[in-house]
């Protein structure tokens, strides 16, 4: 990788998106998996932790920006990066009920998992989560474009 701080993700909706991720030099990527790349990293780990990367502007202003996460193994080595794609208006006005796409990429900058959530006006209320129109639901694709499953709030 010539520029480890820049990730290119091919999307079915557009030709190519460029997303800049903050990647300090002290971070260490997990070595290439013994099995196939992409989801193959999961075969070699028994523990994953996701840590949110907050931007300086987000810390100063308190306004939310697109979320970014480091996903690491028990040794603290980076296994994947995840980053949110959503509009500023959705993040400001709809907060936890917003629609988003979460892209999860490996160290070769290949998107291995895509998670989509649609906007739901009344989603998240514990008393109406059993109603289909109100429950949060995400759709998981792996590889991107291929449905792998979904997760629904009960």
Protein backbone atom coordinates (compact mmCIF):
# COMPACT_ATOMS: atom_id res chain seq x y z
CA UNK A 1 0.00 0.00 0.00
CA UNK A 2 1.54 3.25 -1.08
CA UNK A 3 -0.66 5.50 1.05
CA UNK A 4 -1.96 3.63 4.12
CA UNK A 5 -4.12 6.56 5.20
CA UNK A 6 -6.25 6.56 2.04
CA UNK A 7 -8.77 3.86 1.32
CA UNK A 8 -10.62 3.42 -1.94
CA UNK A 9 -13.87 1.55 -1.84
CA UNK A 10 -15.62 0.45 -4.98
CA UNK A 11 -19.35 0.83 -4.65
CA UNK A 12 -22.15 -0.51 -6.82
CA UNK A 13 -23.86 2.90 -6.72
CA UNK A 14 -20.86 4.92 -7.90
CA UNK A 15 -17.61 4.20 -9.72
CA UNK A 16 -15.34 4.89 -6.76
CA UNK A 17 -15.40 6.73 -3.46
CA UNK A 18 -12.32 8.02 -1.67
CA UNK A 19 -12.42 8.08 2.09
CA UNK A 20 -9.59 9.41 4.20
CA UNK A 21 -9.09 7.62 7.49
CA UNK A 22 -6.82 8.76 10.27
CA UNK A 23 -4.21 6.05 10.68
CA UNK A 24 -1.38 6.95 13.05
CA UNK A 25 1.92 5.27 12.26
CA UNK A 26 2.06 3.37 15.58
CA UNK A 27 -0.86 1.15 14.56
CA UNK A 28 0.03 -2.35 13.53
CA UNK A 29 -2.03 -4.40 11.10
CA UNK A 30 -2.62 -8.08 11.72
CA UNK A 31 -0.46 -10.24 9.45
CA UNK A 32 -2.10 -11.70 6.37
CA UNK A 33 -4.44 -14.53 7.25
CA UNK A 34 -3.48 -18.15 6.69
CA UNK A 35 -6.81 -18.61 4.95
CA UNK A 36 -8.31 -16.47 2.19
CA UNK A 37 -8.03 -12.66 2.52
CA UNK A 38 -11.08 -10.54 3.30
CA UNK A 39 -13.21 -12.44 5.79
CA UNK A 40 -10.33 -14.92 6.13
CA UNK A 41 -8.98 -12.73 8.95
CA UNK A 42 -11.87 -13.91 11.10
CA UNK A 43 -10.65 -17.52 10.96
CA UNK A 44 -7.48 -16.55 12.85
CA UNK A 45 -9.02 -14.48 15.67
CA UNK A 46 -11.03 -15.38 18.73
CA UNK A 47 -11.57 -11.81 19.92
CA UNK A 48 -12.52 -8.55 18.19
CA UNK A 49 -12.82 -5.08 19.68
CA UNK A 50 -14.16 -2.00 17.91
CA UNK A 51 -12.80 1.39 18.94
CA UNK A 52 -14.27 4.62 17.64
CA UNK A 53 -11.86 7.15 16.12
CA UNK A 54 -13.06 10.65 16.93
CA UNK A 55 -11.98 13.61 14.83
CA UNK A 56 -10.52 16.75 16.36
CA UNK A 57 -13.38 18.84 14.95
CA UNK A 58 -15.90 16.49 16.53
CA UNK A 59 -14.22 16.80 19.93
CA UNK A 60 -14.03 20.60 19.74
CA UNK A 61 -17.48 21.36 18.33
CA UNK A 62 -19.45 18.44 19.72
CA UNK A 63 -21.11 18.02 16.33
CA UNK A 64 -21.19 14.49 15.06
CA UNK A 65 -19.25 13.51 11.98
CA UNK A 66 -19.30 10.27 10.02
CA UNK A 67 -18.18 7.56 12.43
CA UNK A 68 -14.89 5.67 11.98
CA UNK A 69 -13.80 2.57 13.87
CA UNK A 70 -10.70 0.43 14.28
CA UNK A 71 -11.46 -3.24 14.68
CA UNK A 72 -8.59 -5.05 16.39
CA UNK A 73 -7.68 -8.47 17.75
CA UNK A 74 -6.61 -9.39 21.29
CA UNK A 75 -3.01 -8.28 20.55
CA UNK A 76 -4.21 -4.81 19.55
CA UNK A 77 -3.42 -5.41 15.87
CA UNK A 78 -5.80 -3.82 13.39
CA UNK A 79 -7.94 -6.42 11.62
CA UNK A 80 -10.35 -4.07 9.82
CA UNK A 81 -11.33 -0.43 9.58
CA UNK A 82 -14.99 0.55 9.47
CA UNK A 83 -16.39 3.88 8.38
CA UNK A 84 -19.86 5.32 8.09
CA UNK A 85 -21.37 6.85 4.99
CA UNK A 86 -24.28 9.16 5.80
CA UNK A 87 -25.35 12.71 5.11
CA UNK A 88 -24.55 15.57 7.47
CA UNK A 89 -28.23 16.46 7.61
CA UNK A 90 -29.14 12.92 8.72
CA UNK A 91 -26.44 12.96 11.43
CA UNK A 92 -27.56 16.35 12.76
CA UNK A 93 -31.34 16.01 12.55
CA UNK A 94 -32.03 12.29 12.91
CA UNK A 95 -29.13 11.25 15.19
CA UNK A 96 -29.71 7.63 16.28
CA UNK A 97 -32.54 6.99 13.82
CA UNK A 98 -30.52 8.00 10.75
CA UNK A 99 -29.89 5.87 7.73
CA UNK A 100 -26.29 4.90 7.04
CA UNK A 101 -23.99 2.52 5.23
CA UNK A 102 -21.10 1.08 7.24
CA UNK A 103 -18.15 -0.02 5.10
CA UNK A 104 -15.69 -2.50 6.62
CA UNK A 105 -12.34 -2.74 4.81
CA UNK A 106 -9.27 -4.95 5.25
CA UNK A 107 -5.60 -3.93 5.11
CA UNK A 108 -5.65 -4.26 1.29
CA UNK A 109 -8.35 -1.52 1.23
CA UNK A 110 -10.91 -4.02 -0.03
CA UNK A 111 -14.42 -3.71 1.31
CA UNK A 112 -15.28 -7.08 2.87
CA UNK A 113 -18.54 -6.28 4.66
CA UNK A 114 -21.21 -3.65 4.04
CA UNK A 115 -23.93 -2.92 6.59
CA UNK A 116 -26.96 -0.81 5.58
CA UNK A 117 -29.63 0.73 7.75
CA UNK A 118 -32.66 2.65 6.49
CA UNK A 119 -34.10 5.69 8.21
CA UNK A 120 -37.02 4.99 10.53
CA UNK A 121 -38.84 7.90 12.09
CA UNK A 122 -39.91 6.24 15.33
CA UNK A 123 -37.25 3.52 15.52
CA UNK A 124 -35.57 2.64 18.77
CA UNK A 125 -38.53 3.06 21.11
CA UNK A 126 -38.62 -0.01 23.33
CA UNK A 127 -42.42 -0.01 23.44
CA UNK A 128 -42.91 -0.14 19.66
CA UNK A 129 -39.88 -2.16 18.53
CA UNK A 130 -42.08 -5.20 17.99
CA UNK A 131 -43.91 -3.35 15.20
CA UNK A 132 -42.15 -3.81 11.85
CA UNK A 133 -42.32 -0.15 10.90
CA UNK A 134 -40.59 0.94 14.13
CA UNK A 135 -37.81 -1.57 14.78
CA UNK A 136 -34.22 -0.81 13.81
CA UNK A 137 -32.93 -3.28 11.23
CA UNK A 138 -29.59 -3.55 9.46
CA UNK A 139 -28.82 -5.58 6.36
CA UNK A 140 -25.41 -7.21 6.08
CA UNK A 141 -23.72 -7.86 2.73
CA UNK A 142 -20.57 -9.92 2.34
CA UNK A 143 -19.08 -9.64 -0.14
CA UNK A 144 -20.70 -6.26 -0.78
CA UNK A 145 -23.69 -6.71 -3.06
CA UNK A 146 -24.41 -10.23 -1.75
CA UNK A 147 -26.94 -10.49 1.09
CA UNK A 148 -25.50 -12.31 4.09
CA UNK A 149 -28.29 -11.65 6.59
CA UNK A 150 -29.96 -9.04 8.73
CA UNK A 151 -30.20 -8.02 12.37
CA UNK A 152 -33.49 -6.68 13.76
CA UNK A 153 -34.31 -5.02 17.07
CA UNK A 154 -36.82 -6.90 19.20
